[in-house]
PDB file of all heavy atoms in Angstrom:
ATOM      1  N   ALA A   1     -40.460 -11.977   5.952  1.00  0.00           N
ATOM      2  CA  ALA A   1     -41.564 -11.033   6.163  1.00  0.00           C
ATOM      3  C   ALA A   1     -42.269 -10.739   4.844  1.00  0.00           C
ATOM      4  O   ALA A   1     -41.662 -10.821   3.767  1.00  0.00           O
ATOM      5  CB  ALA A   1     -41.033  -9.737   6.771  1.00  0.00           C
ATOM      6  N   ASP A   2     -43.535 -10.384   4.930  1.00  0.00           N
ATOM      7  CA  ASP A   2     -44.307 -10.027   3.738  1.00  0.00           C
ATOM      8  C   ASP A   2     -43.611  -8.938   2.929  1.00  0.00           C
ATOM      9  O   ASP A   2     -43.593  -8.976   1.703  1.00  0.00           O
ATOM     10  CB  ASP A   2     -45.712  -9.546   4.124  1.00  0.00           C
ATOM     11  CG  ASP A   2     -46.625 -10.673   4.570  1.00  0.00           C
ATOM     12  OD1 ASP A   2     -46.318 -11.853   4.283  1.00  0.00           O
ATOM     13  OD2 ASP A   2     -47.652 -10.374   5.200  1.00  0.00           O
ATOM     14  N   GLU A   3     -43.033  -7.971   3.635  1.00  0.00           N
ATOM     15  CA  GLU A   3     -42.366  -6.861   2.962  1.00  0.00           C
ATOM     16  C   GLU A   3     -41.150  -7.331   2.160  1.00  0.00           C
ATOM     17  O   GLU A   3     -40.813  -6.753   1.130  1.00  0.00           O
ATOM     18  CB  GLU A   3     -41.944  -5.783   3.973  1.00  0.00           C
ATOM     19  CG  GLU A   3     -43.106  -5.072   4.630  1.00  0.00           C
ATOM     20  CD  GLU A   3     -43.757  -5.880   5.767  1.00  0.00           C
ATOM     21  OE1 GLU A   3     -43.168  -6.890   6.231  1.00  0.00           O
ATOM     22  OE2 GLU A   3     -44.870  -5.511   6.164  1.00  0.00           O
ATOM     23  N   GLN A   4     -40.487  -8.371   2.639  1.00  0.00           N
ATOM     24  CA  GLN A   4     -39.336  -8.901   1.913  1.00  0.00           C
ATOM     25  C   GLN A   4     -39.777  -9.548   0.608  1.00  0.00           C
ATOM     26  O   GLN A   4     -39.147  -9.353  -0.438  1.00  0.00           O
ATOM     27  CB  GLN A   4     -38.576  -9.911   2.768  1.00  0.00           C
ATOM     28  CG  GLN A   4     -37.846  -9.291   3.935  1.00  0.00           C
ATOM     29  CD  GLN A   4     -37.237 -10.357   4.829  1.00  0.00           C
ATOM     30  OE1 GLN A   4     -37.939 -10.998   5.604  1.00  0.00           O
ATOM     31  NE2 GLN A   4     -35.934 -10.529   4.702  1.00  0.00           N
ATOM     32  N   LEU A   5     -40.854 -10.319   0.658  1.00  0.00           N
ATOM     33  CA  LEU A   5     -41.376 -10.929  -0.557  1.00  0.00           C
ATOM     34  C   LEU A   5     -41.833  -9.845  -1.527  1.00  0.00           C
ATOM     35  O   LEU A   5     -41.525  -9.909  -2.727  1.00  0.00           O
ATOM     36  CB  LEU A   5     -42.524 -11.890  -0.240  1.00  0.00           C
ATOM     37  CG  LEU A   5     -43.252 -12.503  -1.432  1.00  0.00           C
ATOM     38  CD1 LEU A   5     -42.291 -13.226  -2.383  1.00  0.00           C
ATOM     39  CD2 LEU A   5     -44.352 -13.444  -0.950  1.00  0.00           C
ATOM     40  N   ASP A   6     -42.531  -8.842  -1.025  1.00  0.00           N
ATOM     41  CA  ASP A   6     -42.991  -7.754  -1.892  1.00  0.00           C
ATOM     42  C   ASP A   6     -41.818  -7.009  -2.525  1.00  0.00           C
ATOM     43  O   ASP A   6     -41.864  -6.647  -3.707  1.00  0.00           O
ATOM     44  CB  ASP A   6     -43.879  -6.785  -1.113  1.00  0.00           C
ATOM     45  CG  ASP A   6     -45.227  -7.391  -0.740  1.00  0.00           C
ATOM     46  OD1 ASP A   6     -45.562  -8.485  -1.261  1.00  0.00           O
ATOM     47  OD2 ASP A   6     -45.933  -6.780   0.070  1.00  0.00           O
ATOM     48  N   ALA A   7     -40.769  -6.779  -1.745  1.00  0.00           N
ATOM     49  CA  ALA A   7     -39.591  -6.092  -2.288  1.00  0.00           C
ATOM     50  C   ALA A   7     -38.936  -6.930  -3.384  1.00  0.00           C
ATOM     51  O   ALA A   7     -38.510  -6.391  -4.419  1.00  0.00           O
ATOM     52  CB  ALA A   7     -38.590  -5.796  -1.172  1.00  0.00           C
ATOM     53  N   ALA A   8     -38.869  -8.239  -3.188  1.00  0.00           N
ATOM     54  CA  ALA A   8     -38.292  -9.115  -4.212  1.00  0.00           C
ATOM     55  C   ALA A   8     -39.141  -9.081  -5.483  1.00  0.00           C
ATOM     56  O   ALA A   8     -38.608  -9.001  -6.593  1.00  0.00           O
ATOM     57  CB  ALA A   8     -38.168 -10.546  -3.688  1.00  0.00           C
ATOM     58  N   LEU A   9     -40.453  -9.125  -5.324  1.00  0.00           N
ATOM     59  CA  LEU A   9     -41.339  -9.080  -6.490  1.00  0.00           C
ATOM     60  C   LEU A   9     -41.224  -7.738  -7.214  1.00  0.00           C
ATOM     61  O   LEU A   9     -41.220  -7.694  -8.452  1.00  0.00           O
ATOM     62  CB  LEU A   9     -42.792  -9.335  -6.077  1.00  0.00           C
ATOM     63  CG  LEU A   9     -43.099 -10.765  -5.645  1.00  0.00           C
ATOM     64  CD1 LEU A   9     -44.494 -10.841  -5.007  1.00  0.00           C
ATOM     65  CD2 LEU A   9     -42.984 -11.721  -6.821  1.00  0.00           C
ATOM     66  N   ALA A  10     -41.104  -6.650  -6.464  1.00  0.00           N
ATOM     67  CA  ALA A  10     -40.945  -5.329  -7.088  1.00  0.00           C
ATOM     68  C   ALA A  10     -39.635  -5.259  -7.855  1.00  0.00           C
ATOM     69  O   ALA A  10     -39.591  -4.772  -8.993  1.00  0.00           O
ATOM     70  CB  ALA A  10     -41.006  -4.239  -6.020  1.00  0.00           C
ATOM     71  N   ALA A  11     -38.567  -5.747  -7.251  1.00  0.00           N
ATOM     72  CA  ALA A  11     -37.265  -5.729  -7.920  1.00  0.00           C
ATOM     73  C   ALA A  11     -37.274  -6.600  -9.169  1.00  0.00           C
ATOM     74  O   ALA A  11     -36.765  -6.194 -10.228  1.00  0.00           O
ATOM     75  CB  ALA A  11     -36.175  -6.196  -6.957  1.00  0.00           C
ATOM     76  N   LEU A  12     -37.858  -7.779  -9.063  1.00  0.00           N
ATOM     77  CA  LEU A  12     -37.914  -8.677 -10.224  1.00  0.00           C
ATOM     78  C   LEU A  12     -38.753  -8.093 -11.341  1.00  0.00           C
ATOM     79  O   LEU A  12     -38.359  -8.151 -12.511  1.00  0.00           O
ATOM     80  CB  LEU A  12     -38.464 -10.048  -9.812  1.00  0.00           C
ATOM     81  CG  LEU A  12     -37.500 -10.932  -9.045  1.00  0.00           C
ATOM     82  CD1 LEU A  12     -38.232 -12.134  -8.454  1.00  0.00           C
ATOM     83  CD2 LEU A  12     -36.362 -11.392  -9.954  1.00  0.00           C
ATOM     84  N   SER A  13     -39.899  -7.535 -11.000  1.00  0.00           N
ATOM     85  CA  SER A  13     -40.749  -6.981 -12.060  1.00  0.00           C
ATOM     86  C   SER A  13     -40.038  -5.818 -12.749  1.00  0.00           C
ATOM     87  O   SER A  13     -40.062  -5.709 -13.981  1.00  0.00           O
ATOM     88  CB  SER A  13     -42.121  -6.565 -11.527  1.00  0.00           C
ATOM     89  OG  SER A  13     -42.021  -5.533 -10.578  1.00  0.00           O
ATOM     90  N   GLY A  14     -39.379  -4.972 -11.988  1.00  0.00           N
ATOM     91  CA  GLY A  14     -38.635  -3.871 -12.590  1.00  0.00           C
ATOM     92  C   GLY A  14     -37.502  -4.359 -13.471  1.00  0.00           C
ATOM     93  O   GLY A  14     -37.304  -3.864 -14.589  1.00  0.00           O
ATOM     94  N   PHE A  15     -36.754  -5.347 -12.982  1.00  0.00           N
ATOM     95  CA  PHE A  15     -35.646  -5.898 -13.759  1.00  0.00           C
ATOM     96  C   PHE A  15     -36.149  -6.513 -15.064  1.00  0.00           C
ATOM     97  O   PHE A  15     -35.621  -6.234 -16.139  1.00  0.00           O
ATOM     98  CB  PHE A  15     -34.887  -6.949 -12.945  1.00  0.00           C
ATOM     99  CG  PHE A  15     -33.920  -7.748 -13.762  1.00  0.00           C
ATOM    100  CD1 PHE A  15     -32.707  -7.207 -14.173  1.00  0.00           C
ATOM    101  CD2 PHE A  15     -34.231  -9.044 -14.151  1.00  0.00           C
ATOM    102  CE1 PHE A  15     -31.819  -7.947 -14.951  1.00  0.00           C
ATOM    103  CE2 PHE A  15     -33.349  -9.786 -14.923  1.00  0.00           C
ATOM    104  CZ  PHE A  15     -32.134  -9.232 -15.325  1.00  0.00           C
ATOM    105  N   PHE A  16     -37.160  -7.358 -14.964  1.00  0.00           N
ATOM    106  CA  PHE A  16     -37.646  -8.053 -16.154  1.00  0.00           C
ATOM    107  C   PHE A  16     -38.307  -7.108 -17.150  1.00  0.00           C
ATOM    108  O   PHE A  16     -38.111  -7.248 -18.360  1.00  0.00           O
ATOM    109  CB  PHE A  16     -38.600  -9.186 -15.778  1.00  0.00           C
ATOM    110  CG  PHE A  16     -37.916 -10.423 -15.270  1.00  0.00           C
ATOM    111  CD1 PHE A  16     -38.268 -10.981 -14.058  1.00  0.00           C
ATOM    112  CD2 PHE A  16     -36.929 -11.048 -16.007  1.00  0.00           C
ATOM    113  CE1 PHE A  16     -37.656 -12.133 -13.590  1.00  0.00           C
ATOM    114  CE2 PHE A  16     -36.302 -12.194 -15.567  1.00  0.00           C
ATOM    115  CZ  PHE A  16     -36.677 -12.737 -14.343  1.00  0.00           C
ATOM    116  N   LEU A  17     -39.097  -6.156 -16.669  1.00  0.00           N
ATOM    117  CA  LEU A  17     -39.746  -5.229 -17.598  1.00  0.00           C
ATOM    118  C   LEU A  17     -38.729  -4.323 -18.267  1.00  0.00           C
ATOM    119  O   LEU A  17     -38.833  -4.034 -19.464  1.00  0.00           O
ATOM    120  CB  LEU A  17     -40.825  -4.424 -16.885  1.00  0.00           C
ATOM    121  CG  LEU A  17     -42.065  -5.234 -16.479  1.00  0.00           C
ATOM    122  CD1 LEU A  17     -42.978  -4.412 -15.580  1.00  0.00           C
ATOM    123  CD2 LEU A  17     -42.803  -5.749 -17.699  1.00  0.00           C
ATOM    124  N   SER A  18     -37.739  -3.890 -17.515  1.00  0.00           N
ATOM    125  CA  SER A  18     -36.680  -3.074 -18.106  1.00  0.00           C
ATOM    126  C   SER A  18     -35.876  -3.880 -19.126  1.00  0.00           C
ATOM    127  O   SER A  18     -35.590  -3.405 -20.228  1.00  0.00           O
ATOM    128  CB  SER A  18     -35.764  -2.557 -16.991  1.00  0.00           C
ATOM    129  OG  SER A  18     -34.683  -1.847 -17.532  1.00  0.00           O
ATOM    130  N   SER A  19     -35.521  -5.102 -18.773  1.00  0.00           N
ATOM    131  CA  SER A  19     -34.757  -5.958 -19.686  1.00  0.00           C
ATOM    132  C   SER A  19     -35.570  -6.305 -20.926  1.00  0.00           C
ATOM    133  O   SER A  19     -35.042  -6.340 -22.039  1.00  0.00           O
ATOM    134  CB  SER A  19     -34.341  -7.250 -18.976  1.00  0.00           C
ATOM    135  OG  SER A  19     -33.481  -6.962 -17.896  1.00  0.00           O
ATOM    136  N   GLY A  20     -36.853  -6.560 -20.731  1.00  0.00           N
ATOM    137  CA  GLY A  20     -37.713  -6.896 -21.859  1.00  0.00           C
ATOM    138  C   GLY A  20     -37.872  -5.767 -22.852  1.00  0.00           C
ATOM    139  O   GLY A  20     -38.186  -5.986 -24.022  1.00  0.00           O
ATOM    140  N   GLY A  21     -37.648  -4.537 -22.413  1.00  0.00           N
ATOM    141  CA  GLY A  21     -37.753  -3.382 -23.292  1.00  0.00           C
ATOM    142  C   GLY A  21     -36.476  -3.070 -24.054  1.00  0.00           C
ATOM    143  O   GLY A  21     -36.449  -2.122 -24.836  1.00  0.00           O
ATOM    144  N   GLN A  22     -35.443  -3.853 -23.841  1.00  0.00           N
ATOM    145  CA  GLN A  22     -34.174  -3.647 -24.540  1.00  0.00           C
ATOM    146  C   GLN A  22     -34.287  -4.119 -25.994  1.00  0.00           C
ATOM    147  O   GLN A  22     -35.189  -4.879 -26.339  1.00  0.00           O
ATOM    148  CB  GLN A  22     -33.055  -4.409 -23.835  1.00  0.00           C
ATOM    149  CG  GLN A  22     -32.780  -3.925 -22.419  1.00  0.00           C
ATOM    150  CD  GLN A  22     -32.309  -2.491 -22.396  1.00  0.00           C
ATOM    151  OE1 GLN A  22     -31.406  -2.102 -23.119  1.00  0.00           O
ATOM    152  NE2 GLN A  22     -32.948  -1.685 -21.539  1.00  0.00           N
ATOM    153  N   PRO A  23     -33.371  -3.715 -26.843  1.00  0.00           N
ATOM    154  CA  PRO A  23     -33.380  -4.195 -28.230  1.00  0.00           C
ATOM    155  C   PRO A  23     -33.300  -5.725 -28.288  1.00  0.00           C
ATOM    156  O   PRO A  23     -32.795  -6.364 -27.363  1.00  0.00           O
ATOM    157  CB  PRO A  23     -32.117  -3.566 -28.844  1.00  0.00           C
ATOM    158  CG  PRO A  23     -31.845  -2.375 -28.001  1.00  0.00           C
ATOM    159  CD  PRO A  23     -32.299  -2.734 -26.611  1.00  0.00           C
ATOM    160  N   ALA A  24     -33.801  -6.262 -29.362  1.00  0.00           N
ATOM    161  CA  ALA A  24     -33.797  -7.718 -29.542  1.00  0.00           C
ATOM    162  C   ALA A  24     -32.382  -8.272 -29.376  1.00  0.00           C
ATOM    163  O   ALA A  24     -31.404  -7.638 -29.760  1.00  0.00           O
ATOM    164  CB  ALA A  24     -34.339  -8.082 -30.920  1.00  0.00           C
ATOM    165  N   ALA A  25     -32.303  -9.456 -28.808  1.00  0.00           N
ATOM    166  CA  ALA A  25     -31.018 -10.125 -28.592  1.00  0.00           C
ATOM    167  C   ALA A  25     -30.812 -11.137 -29.710  1.00  0.00           C
ATOM    168  O   ALA A  25     -31.594 -12.074 -29.843  1.00  0.00           O
ATOM    169  CB  ALA A  25     -31.018 -10.823 -27.236  1.00  0.00           C
ATOM    170  N   ASP A  26     -29.772 -10.962 -30.496  1.00  0.00           N
ATOM    171  CA  ASP A  26     -29.560 -11.860 -31.631  1.00  0.00           C
ATOM    172  C   ASP A  26     -29.208 -13.285 -31.208  1.00  0.00           C
ATOM    173  O   ASP A  26     -29.356 -14.222 -31.970  1.00  0.00           O
ATOM    174  CB  ASP A  26     -28.500 -11.300 -32.591  1.00  0.00           C
ATOM    175  CG  ASP A  26     -27.159 -11.066 -31.933  1.00  0.00           C
ATOM    176  OD1 ASP A  26     -27.027 -11.294 -30.714  1.00  0.00           O
ATOM    177  OD2 ASP A  26     -26.235 -10.638 -32.661  1.00  0.00           O
ATOM    178  N   TRP A  27     -28.758 -13.469 -29.979  1.00  0.00           N
ATOM    179  CA  TRP A  27     -28.412 -14.810 -29.501  1.00  0.00           C
ATOM    180  C   TRP A  27     -29.625 -15.571 -28.968  1.00  0.00           C
ATOM    181  O   TRP A  27     -29.547 -16.766 -28.737  1.00  0.00           O
ATOM    182  CB  TRP A  27     -27.325 -14.730 -28.420  1.00  0.00           C
ATOM    183  CG  TRP A  27     -27.776 -14.010 -27.181  1.00  0.00           C
ATOM    184  CD1 TRP A  27     -28.373 -14.571 -26.087  1.00  0.00           C
ATOM    185  CD2 TRP A  27     -27.694 -12.621 -26.917  1.00  0.00           C
ATOM    186  NE1 TRP A  27     -28.670 -13.609 -25.161  1.00  0.00           N
ATOM    187  CE2 TRP A  27     -28.257 -12.388 -25.640  1.00  0.00           C
ATOM    188  CE3 TRP A  27     -27.206 -11.531 -27.624  1.00  0.00           C
ATOM    189  CZ2 TRP A  27     -28.336 -11.133 -25.075  1.00  0.00           C
ATOM    190  CZ3 TRP A  27     -27.285 -10.276 -27.036  1.00  0.00           C
ATOM    191  CH2 TRP A  27     -27.839 -10.088 -25.790  1.00  0.00           C
ATOM    192  N   SER A  28     -30.749 -14.870 -28.783  1.00  0.00           N
ATOM    193  CA  SER A  28     -31.951 -15.516 -28.275  1.00  0.00           C
ATOM    194  C   SER A  28     -33.165 -14.713 -28.734  1.00  0.00           C
ATOM    195  O   SER A  28     -33.552 -13.735 -28.091  1.00  0.00           O
ATOM    196  CB  SER A  28     -31.901 -15.588 -26.743  1.00  0.00           C
ATOM    197  OG  SER A  28     -33.039 -16.235 -26.240  1.00  0.00           O
ATOM    198  N   PRO A  29     -33.781 -15.099 -29.827  1.00  0.00           N
ATOM    199  CA  PRO A  29     -34.843 -14.283 -30.412  1.00  0.00           C
ATOM    200  C   PRO A  29     -36.092 -14.112 -29.544  1.00  0.00           C
ATOM    201  O   PRO A  29     -36.861 -13.178 -29.751  1.00  0.00           O
ATOM    202  CB  PRO A  29     -35.178 -15.009 -31.712  1.00  0.00           C
ATOM    203  CG  PRO A  29     -34.701 -16.402 -31.521  1.00  0.00           C
ATOM    204  CD  PRO A  29     -33.530 -16.322 -30.592  1.00  0.00           C
ATOM    205  N   HIS A  30     -36.294 -14.968 -28.566  1.00  0.00           N
ATOM    206  CA  HIS A  30     -37.496 -14.881 -27.730  1.00  0.00           C
ATOM    207  C   HIS A  30     -37.203 -14.357 -26.328  1.00  0.00           C
ATOM    208  O   HIS A  30     -38.102 -14.305 -25.489  1.00  0.00           O
ATOM    209  CB  HIS A  30     -38.187 -16.239 -27.658  1.00  0.00           C
ATOM    210  CG  HIS A  30     -38.538 -16.785 -28.997  1.00  0.00           C
ATOM    211  ND1 HIS A  30     -39.533 -16.243 -29.780  1.00  0.00           N
ATOM    212  CD2 HIS A  30     -37.990 -17.785 -29.717  1.00  0.00           C
ATOM    213  CE1 HIS A  30     -39.601 -16.907 -30.923  1.00  0.00           C
ATOM    214  NE2 HIS A  30     -38.669 -17.845 -30.915  1.00  0.00           N
ATOM    215  N   LEU A  31     -35.950 -13.974 -26.079  1.00  0.00           N
ATOM    216  CA  LEU A  31     -35.542 -13.545 -24.740  1.00  0.00           C
ATOM    217  C   LEU A  31     -36.351 -12.343 -24.259  1.00  0.00           C
ATOM    218  O   LEU A  31     -36.859 -12.346 -23.132  1.00  0.00           O
ATOM    219  CB  LEU A  31     -34.046 -13.208 -24.718  1.00  0.00           C
ATOM    220  CG  LEU A  31     -33.513 -12.680 -23.398  1.00  0.00           C
ATOM    221  CD1 LEU A  31     -33.645 -13.738 -22.307  1.00  0.00           C
ATOM    222  CD2 LEU A  31     -32.064 -12.243 -23.557  1.00  0.00           C
ATOM    223  N   ARG A  32     -36.480 -11.306 -25.070  1.00  0.00           N
ATOM    224  CA  ARG A  32     -37.172 -10.087 -24.625  1.00  0.00           C
ATOM    225  C   ARG A  32     -38.647 -10.352 -24.354  1.00  0.00           C
ATOM    226  O   ARG A  32     -39.222  -9.818 -23.400  1.00  0.00           O
ATOM    227  CB  ARG A  32     -37.000  -8.962 -25.648  1.00  0.00           C
ATOM    228  CG  ARG A  32     -35.566  -8.588 -25.912  1.00  0.00           C
ATOM    229  CD  ARG A  32     -34.790  -8.213 -24.662  1.00  0.00           C
ATOM    230  NE  ARG A  32     -33.431  -7.818 -25.007  1.00  0.00           N
ATOM    231  CZ  ARG A  32     -32.388  -7.994 -24.236  1.00  0.00           C
ATOM    232  NH1 ARG A  32     -32.532  -8.537 -23.041  1.00  0.00           N
ATOM    233  NH2 ARG A  32     -31.195  -7.616 -24.620  1.00  0.00           N
ATOM    234  N   GLN A  33     -39.272 -11.202 -25.157  1.00  0.00           N
ATOM    235  CA  GLN A  33     -40.666 -11.571 -24.925  1.00  0.00           C
ATOM    236  C   GLN A  33     -40.791 -12.307 -23.587  1.00  0.00           C
ATOM    237  O   GLN A  33     -41.714 -12.047 -22.807  1.00  0.00           O
ATOM    238  CB  GLN A  33     -41.173 -12.447 -26.073  1.00  0.00           C
ATOM    239  CG  GLN A  33     -42.593 -12.911 -25.906  1.00  0.00           C
ATOM    240  CD  GLN A  33     -43.017 -13.847 -27.042  1.00  0.00           C
ATOM    241  OE1 GLN A  33     -42.248 -14.151 -27.951  1.00  0.00           O
ATOM    242  NE2 GLN A  33     -44.242 -14.308 -26.971  1.00  0.00           N
ATOM    243  N   HIS A  34     -39.863 -13.209 -23.325  1.00  0.00           N
ATOM    244  CA  HIS A  34     -39.886 -13.964 -22.069  1.00  0.00           C
ATOM    245  C   HIS A  34     -39.651 -13.033 -20.872  1.00  0.00           C
ATOM    246  O   HIS A  34     -40.342 -13.146 -19.845  1.00  0.00           O
ATOM    247  CB  HIS A  34     -38.823 -15.071 -22.098  1.00  0.00           C
ATOM    248  CG  HIS A  34     -38.736 -15.835 -20.817  1.00  0.00           C
ATOM    249  ND1 HIS A  34     -39.717 -16.692 -20.393  1.00  0.00           N
ATOM    250  CD2 HIS A  34     -37.780 -15.841 -19.857  1.00  0.00           C
ATOM    251  CE1 HIS A  34     -39.367 -17.210 -19.223  1.00  0.00           C
ATOM    252  NE2 HIS A  34     -38.196 -16.706 -18.883  1.00  0.00           N
TER     253      HIS A  34
END
């Protein structure tokens, strides 16, 4: 359903934006930017 796709996109955007705002990762210097 459309709502399922939208829920997945909302969850992914929240996860990635939250993760991207974390301190830099010394094991992967470009991880937060990605």
